[in-house]
C-alpha atoms as a PDB file:
ATOM      1  CA  MET A   1      -6.510  14.631  11.450  1.00  0.00           C
ATOM      2  CA  VAL A   2      -4.759  11.509  10.150  1.00  0.00           C
ATOM      3  CA  ASN A   3      -3.075   9.540  12.748  1.00  0.00           C
ATOM      4  CA  THR A   4       0.593   8.508  12.252  1.00  0.00           C
ATOM      5  CA  LEU A   5       1.568   4.695  12.359  1.00  0.00           C
ATOM      6  CA  ASN A   6       5.195   4.489  14.006  1.00  0.00           C
ATOM      7  CA  GLU A   7       5.610   0.735  15.122  1.00  0.00           C
ATOM      8  CA  LEU A   8       4.641  -2.595  13.693  1.00  0.00           C
ATOM      9  CA  SER A   9       2.095  -3.062  16.460  1.00  0.00           C
ATOM     10  CA  GLN A  10       0.326   0.283  15.442  1.00  0.00           C
ATOM     11  CA  LEU A  11       0.193  -1.126  11.823  1.00  0.00           C
ATOM     12  CA  LYS A  12      -0.841  -4.505  12.709  1.00  0.00           C
ATOM     13  CA  SER A  13      -4.074  -2.961  15.158  1.00  0.00           C
ATOM     14  CA  SER A  14      -4.849  -0.640  12.331  1.00  0.00           C
ATOM     15  CA  GLY A  15      -6.446  -3.267  10.322  1.00  0.00           C
ATOM     16  CA  PHE A  16      -4.539  -1.877   7.094  1.00  0.00           C
ATOM     17  CA  GLY A  17      -4.292  -5.034   4.896  1.00  0.00           C
ATOM     18  CA  GLN A  18      -6.876  -7.303   6.953  1.00  0.00           C
ATOM     19  CA  PRO A  19      -7.963  -9.671   6.810  1.00  0.00           C
ATOM     20  CA  TRP A  20      -5.615 -11.918   4.704  1.00  0.00           C
ATOM     21  CA  PRO A  21      -5.961 -12.024   1.451  1.00  0.00           C
ATOM     22  CA  ARG A  22      -5.805  -8.381   1.176  1.00  0.00           C
ATOM     23  CA  HIS A  23      -2.342  -7.207  -0.514  1.00  0.00           C
ATOM     24  CA  GLY A  24      -2.075  -4.195   1.578  1.00  0.00           C
ATOM     25  CA  LEU A  25       0.447  -5.574   3.761  1.00  0.00           C
ATOM     26  CA  ASN A  26       2.519  -7.130   0.940  1.00  0.00           C
ATOM     27  CA  LEU A  27       2.153  -4.061  -1.143  1.00  0.00           C
ATOM     28  CA  LEU A  28       3.436  -1.831   2.220  1.00  0.00           C
ATOM     29  CA  TYR A  29       6.652  -4.557   2.859  1.00  0.00           C
ATOM     30  CA  TRP A  30       7.479  -4.128  -1.198  1.00  0.00           C
ATOM     31  CA  PHE A  31       7.363  -0.388  -0.959  1.00  0.00           C
ATOM     32  CA  ALA A  32       9.489  -0.241   1.951  1.00  0.00           C
ATOM     33  CA  LYS A  33      12.077  -2.859   0.929  1.00  0.00           C
ATOM     34  CA  ASP A  34      12.317  -2.185  -2.996  1.00  0.00           C
ATOM     35  CA  TYR A  35      10.631   1.057  -3.674  1.00  0.00           C
ATOM     36  CA  ILE A  36      12.547   3.422  -1.520  1.00  0.00           C
ATOM     37  CA  TYR A  37      15.524   4.064  -0.005  1.00  0.00           C
ATOM     38  CA  PHE A  38      16.852   6.511   2.622  1.00  0.00           C
ATOM     39  CA  SER A  39      19.289   9.202   2.105  1.00  0.00           C
ATOM     40  CA  ASN A  40      20.317  11.858   4.829  1.00  0.00           C
ATOM     41  CA  GLY A  41      16.839  11.625   6.642  1.00  0.00           C
ATOM     42  CA  ASP A  42      14.914  11.450   3.285  1.00  0.00           C
ATOM     43  CA  ILE A  43      12.922   8.752   1.868  1.00  0.00           C
ATOM     44  CA  VAL A  44      13.925   8.630  -1.614  1.00  0.00           C
ATOM     45  CA  SER A  45      11.987   6.794  -4.578  1.00  0.00           C
ATOM     46  CA  LYS A  46      14.433   4.431  -6.676  1.00  0.00           C
ATOM     47  CA  TYR A  47      11.597   5.168  -9.700  1.00  0.00           C
ATOM     48  CA  ARG A  48       9.707   8.311 -10.678  1.00  0.00           C
ATOM     49  CA  PRO A  49       5.817   7.898  -9.771  1.00  0.00           C
ATOM     50  CA  ARG A  50       5.040   9.894 -12.477  1.00  0.00           C
ATOM     51  CA  ASN A  51       6.059   7.363 -15.102  1.00  0.00           C
ATOM     52  CA  GLY A  52       3.313   4.796 -14.162  1.00  0.00           C
ATOM     53  CA  ASP A  53       5.810   2.268 -12.851  1.00  0.00           C
ATOM     54  CA  PHE A  54       4.223  -0.954 -10.917  1.00  0.00           C
ATOM     55  CA  GLY A  55       0.829   1.050 -11.469  1.00  0.00           C
ATOM     56  CA  PHE A  56       1.523   4.229  -9.689  1.00  0.00           C
ATOM     57  CA  HIS A  57      -0.467   7.375 -11.030  1.00  0.00           C
ATOM     58  CA  LYS A  58      -1.353  10.885  -9.867  1.00  0.00           C
ATOM     59  CA  TYR A  59      -4.060  11.294  -6.912  1.00  0.00           C
ATOM     60  CA  TYR A  60      -5.884  13.854  -7.049  1.00  0.00           C
ATOM     61  CA  ASN A  61      -6.865  14.162  -3.478  1.00  0.00           C
ATOM     62  CA  ARG A  62     -10.365  15.036  -4.341  1.00  0.00           C
ATOM     63  CA  ILE A  63     -13.179  15.810  -1.400  1.00  0.00           C
ATOM     64  CA  GLU A  64     -14.086  12.488   0.345  1.00  0.00           C
ATOM     65  CA  ASP A  65     -17.263  11.917   2.316  1.00  0.00           C
ATOM     66  CA  ASP A  66     -17.829  14.766   4.684  1.00  0.00           C
ATOM     67  CA  ASP A  67     -16.331  17.256   2.432  1.00  0.00           C
ATOM     68  CA  ASP A  68     -13.275  16.433   3.654  1.00  0.00           C
ATOM     69  CA  HIS A  69      -9.857  15.334   2.144  1.00  0.00           C
ATOM     70  CA  ILE A  70      -8.320  12.202   2.997  1.00  0.00           C
ATOM     71  CA  VAL A  71      -4.716  13.692   3.548  1.00  0.00           C
ATOM     72  CA  PRO A  72      -3.987  17.333   3.517  1.00  0.00           C
ATOM     73  CA  LEU A  73      -4.108  19.571   0.819  1.00  0.00           C
ATOM     74  CA  GLN A  74      -0.615  20.450  -0.629  1.00  0.00           C
ATOM     75  CA  SER A  75       0.811  22.287  -3.737  1.00  0.00           C
ATOM     76  CA  LEU A  76       2.991  19.117  -3.782  1.00  0.00           C
ATOM     77  CA  PRO A  77       1.806  16.348  -6.117  1.00  0.00           C
ATOM     78  CA  TYR A  78       0.190  12.949  -4.674  1.00  0.00           C
ATOM     79  CA  TYR A  79       0.568   9.654  -6.229  1.00  0.00           C
ATOM     80  CA  GLU A  80      -1.016   6.161  -5.404  1.00  0.00           C
ATOM     81  CA  VAL A  81      -0.353   2.898  -6.077  1.00  0.00           C
ATOM     82  CA  GLY A  82      -1.671  -0.301  -5.232  1.00  0.00           C
ATOM     83  CA  ASN A  83      -5.124  -0.734  -7.608  1.00  0.00           C
ATOM     84  CA  LEU A  84      -4.136  -4.109  -9.154  1.00  0.00           C
ATOM     85  CA  ASN A  85      -6.175  -3.143 -12.433  1.00  0.00           C
ATOM     86  CA  ALA A  86      -3.777  -0.174 -13.272  1.00  0.00           C
ATOM     87  CA  PRO A  87      -1.562  -0.225 -16.219  1.00  0.00           C
ATOM     88  CA  GLY A  88       1.826  -1.349 -14.775  1.00  0.00           C
ATOM     89  CA  ALA A  89       0.828  -3.016 -11.632  1.00  0.00           C
ATOM     90  CA  ASP A  90       1.553  -6.626 -13.486  1.00  0.00           C
ATOM     91  CA  LYS A  91       5.046  -5.540 -12.792  1.00  0.00           C
ATOM     92  CA  LEU A  92       4.505  -5.619  -8.868  1.00  0.00           C
ATOM     93  CA  PRO A  93       6.115  -8.952  -7.549  1.00  0.00           C
ATOM     94  CA  ASN A  94       3.783 -11.866  -7.615  1.00  0.00           C
ATOM     95  CA  TYR A  95       3.779 -12.373  -3.541  1.00  0.00           C
ATOM     96  CA  VAL A  96       1.835  -8.560  -3.802  1.00  0.00           C
ATOM     97  CA  ARG A  97      -0.460 -10.008  -6.655  1.00  0.00           C
ATOM     98  CA  ALA A  98      -1.208 -13.659  -5.685  1.00  0.00           C
ATOM     99  CA  ASN A  99      -4.434 -13.402  -4.463  1.00  0.00           C
ATOM    100  CA  TYR A 100      -5.756 -10.995  -6.617  1.00  0.00           C
ATOM    101  CA  SER A 101      -9.182 -12.287  -8.361  1.00  0.00           C
ATOM    102  CA  GLN A 102     -12.505  -9.886  -9.462  1.00  0.00           C
ATOM    103  CA  ASN A 103     -14.632 -12.417  -8.035  1.00  0.00           C
ATOM    104  CA  LYS A 104     -12.849 -10.815  -4.617  1.00  0.00           C
ATOM    105  CA  PRO A 105     -13.276  -6.976  -4.729  1.00  0.00           C
ATOM    106  CA  ASP A 106     -12.121  -6.635  -1.040  1.00  0.00           C
ATOM    107  CA  ARG A 107      -8.705  -8.192  -2.380  1.00  0.00           C
ATOM    108  CA  ASN A 108      -7.874  -4.619  -4.406  1.00  0.00           C
ATOM    109  CA  LYS A 109      -9.158  -1.928  -1.898  1.00  0.00           C
ATOM    110  CA  ASP A 110      -5.852  -1.488   0.064  1.00  0.00           C
ATOM    111  CA  ARG A 111      -3.520   1.638  -1.320  1.00  0.00           C
ATOM    112  CA  ILE A 112      -0.471   3.876  -0.874  1.00  0.00           C
ATOM    113  CA  ILE A 113      -0.426   7.401  -1.480  1.00  0.00           C
ATOM    114  CA  VAL A 114       2.835   9.371  -1.302  1.00  0.00           C
ATOM    115  CA  ARG A 115       3.290  13.065  -1.362  1.00  0.00           C
ATOM    116  CA  GLN A 116       6.519  13.994  -3.324  1.00  0.00           C
ATOM    117  CA  ASP A 117       8.354  17.122  -2.801  1.00  0.00           C
ATOM    118  CA  GLU A 118      10.307  19.537  -4.750  1.00  0.00           C
ATOM    119  CA  TYR A 119      13.691  17.355  -4.952  1.00  0.00           C
ATOM    120  CA  GLY A 120      11.509  14.031  -5.972  1.00  0.00           C
ATOM    121  CA  ASN A 121      11.888  12.784  -2.266  1.00  0.00           C
ATOM    122  CA  PHE A 122       8.551  11.405  -0.435  1.00  0.00           C
ATOM    123  CA  ASN A 123       8.027  13.733   2.510  1.00  0.00           C
ATOM    124  CA  ARG A 124       4.671  11.988   3.423  1.00  0.00           C
ATOM    125  CA  VAL A 125       3.476   8.175   2.985  1.00  0.00           C
ATOM    126  CA  TYR A 126       0.056   7.346   3.993  1.00  0.00           C
ATOM    127  CA  VAL A 127      -1.815   3.835   3.503  1.00  0.00           C
ATOM    128  CA  THR A 128      -5.366   3.809   3.254  1.00  0.00           C
ATOM    129  CA  GLU A 129      -8.633   1.504   1.684  1.00  0.00           C
ATOM    130  CA  HIS A 130     -11.432   1.990  -0.429  1.00  0.00           C
ATOM    131  CA  ASN A 131     -14.676   1.825   1.069  1.00  0.00           C
ATOM    132  CA  ASP A 132     -16.470   1.396  -1.992  1.00  0.00           C
ATOM    133  CA  PRO A 133     -15.500   1.781  -5.731  1.00  0.00           C
ATOM    134  CA  LYS A 134     -14.546   5.452  -5.792  1.00  0.00           C
ATOM    135  CA  ARG A 135     -14.007   6.619  -2.293  1.00  0.00           C
ATOM    136  CA  PHE A 136     -11.378   6.000  -0.045  1.00  0.00           C
ATOM    137  CA  ASP A 137     -12.288   5.753   3.575  1.00  0.00           C
ATOM    138  CA  SER A 138     -10.797   8.655   5.808  1.00  0.00           C
ATOM    139  CA  SER A 139     -11.113   6.574   9.077  1.00  0.00           C
ATOM    140  CA  ARG A 140      -9.118   3.898   7.821  1.00  0.00           C
ATOM    141  CA  THR A 141      -6.200   6.596   6.558  1.00  0.00           C
ATOM    142  CA  TYR A 142      -3.005   6.452   8.161  1.00  0.00           C
ATOM    143  CA  ARG A 143       0.491   8.178   7.642  1.00  0.00           C
ATOM    144  CA  VAL A 144       3.428   5.897   7.870  1.00  0.00           C
ATOM    145  CA  SER A 145       6.655   7.153   9.487  1.00  0.00           C
ATOM    146  CA  GLN A 146       9.724   7.157   8.063  1.00  0.00           C
ATOM    147  CA  GLY A 147      10.819   5.110  11.150  1.00  0.00           C
ATOM    148  CA  LEU A 148       8.163   2.233  10.575  1.00  0.00           C
ATOM    149  CA  LEU A 149       9.127   2.227   6.671  1.00  0.00           C
ATOM    150  CA  LEU A 150      13.117   1.934   8.006  1.00  0.00           C
ATOM    151  CA  ILE A 151      12.038  -1.202  10.314  1.00  0.00           C
ATOM    152  CA  ILE A 152       9.872  -2.955   7.469  1.00  0.00           C
ATOM    153  CA  SER A 153      12.605  -2.333   5.279  1.00  0.00           C
ATOM    154  CA  ASN A 154      15.425  -3.937   7.443  1.00  0.00           C
ATOM    155  CA  MET A 155      12.776  -7.503   8.011  1.00  0.00           C
ATOM    156  CA  SER A 156      12.279 -10.464   6.013  1.00  0.00           C
ATOM    157  CA  ARG A 157       8.761 -10.407   4.567  1.00  0.00           C
ATOM    158  CA  ASP A 158       8.180 -13.413   6.478  1.00  0.00           C
ATOM    159  CA  GLN A 159       9.149 -11.998   9.830  1.00  0.00           C
ATOM    160  CA  TYR A 160       7.324  -8.566   8.974  1.00  0.00           C
ATOM    161  CA  LEU A 161       4.078 -10.980   7.948  1.00  0.00           C
ATOM    162  CA  GLU A 162       4.478 -12.391  11.237  1.00  0.00           C
ATOM    163  CA  LYS A 163       4.339  -9.619  13.084  1.00  0.00           C
ATOM    164  CA  THR A 164       1.461  -7.595  11.349  1.00  0.00           C
ATOM    165  CA  VAL A 165      -0.830 -10.444  10.265  1.00  0.00           C
ATOM    166  CA  ASN A 166      -3.640 -10.616  12.960  1.00  0.00           C
ATOM    167  CA  THR A 167      -4.844 -14.142  13.326  1.00  0.00           C
ATOM    168  CA  ARG A 168      -2.539 -17.127  13.597  1.00  0.00           C
ATOM    169  CA  GLU A 169      -5.048 -18.763  11.199  1.00  0.00           C
ATOM    170  CA  ASP A 170      -4.181 -16.036   8.678  1.00  0.00           C
ATOM    171  CA  ARG A 171      -0.308 -16.088   9.599  1.00  0.00           C
ATOM    172  CA  ALA A 172      -0.642 -20.201   8.857  1.00  0.00           C
ATOM    173  CA  ARG A 173      -2.274 -18.964   5.255  1.00  0.00           C
ATOM    174  CA  VAL A 174       0.228 -16.378   4.433  1.00  0.00           C
ATOM    175  CA  THR A 175       2.981 -18.709   5.413  1.00  0.00           C
ATOM    176  CA  LEU A 176       1.781 -21.340   2.806  1.00  0.00           C
ATOM    177  CA  GLN A 177       0.896 -18.538   0.426  1.00  0.00           C
ATOM    178  CA  SER A 178       4.401 -17.381   0.512  1.00  0.00           C
ATOM    179  CA  ARG A 179       5.700 -21.044  -0.343  1.00  0.00           C
ATOM    180  CA  ASN A 180       3.366 -21.487  -3.507  1.00  0.00           C
ATOM    181  CA  VAL A 181       3.646 -17.484  -4.673  1.00  0.00           C
ATOM    182  CA  ASN A 182       5.270 -18.252  -7.943  1.00  0.00           C
ATOM    183  CA  GLU A 183       2.173 -20.923  -8.734  1.00  0.00           C
ATOM    184  CA  THR A 184      -0.633 -18.427  -8.467  1.00  0.00           C
ATOM    185  CA  VAL A 185      -1.666 -16.731 -11.362  1.00  0.00           C
ATOM    186  CA  PRO A 186      -3.514 -13.061 -10.803  1.00  0.00           C
ATOM    187  CA  ASP A 187      -6.874 -12.646 -12.234  1.00  0.00           C
ATOM    188  CA  ASN A 188      -6.685  -8.843 -13.866  1.00  0.00           C
ATOM    189  CA  ASN A 189      -9.867  -7.447 -13.404  1.00  0.00           C
ATOM    190  CA  SER A 190     -11.277  -5.661 -10.456  1.00  0.00           C
ATOM    191  CA  TRP A 191     -14.153  -3.379  -9.529  1.00  0.00           C
ATOM    192  CA  CYS A 192     -11.615  -0.707  -9.119  1.00  0.00           C
ATOM    193  CA  THR A 193     -10.901   1.012 -12.249  1.00  0.00           C
ATOM    194  CA  ILE A 194      -8.367   4.245 -13.083  1.00  0.00           C
ATOM    195  CA  LEU A 195     -10.764   7.214 -13.784  1.00  0.00           C
END
């Protein structure tokens, strides 16, 4: 069973996107702030993930370790985003890609997985991370509630990171990086490839 993150404090204690400079927290901020909006109780995508924008691609929900799927089996399609090596990922904001380097594979391990309903809305949003180049870690996979996505979407990125980055030292690094984000050029190689 996948635990649900409802509050910023739960996101922080989950360790998703930690330690800095992993990209998961910034990826989730971008997703909540710029990729989706809320309408009549639905999570609505501004784009079509099947088109591959921002590196979105189909997630096949294959069996991971212990013959278990990290997200529930459904007939509805799943999509994932966050592989900075995926075609289209170069369109993600600089602050998401800023610390991407082929020499630091842990900086490209965080993902968001969404389940799209028959109307094209997202009825489930998950965050996860790779535990090796091909498999996700089921113990580090969480459902993100609509309420938490709404909280994130109403915050500035600095406020959000202040509440979710675990250590004072990392918060200082994130603040410094966010001031210099336009000066950082990402490296386009990664240990995680599209299969």
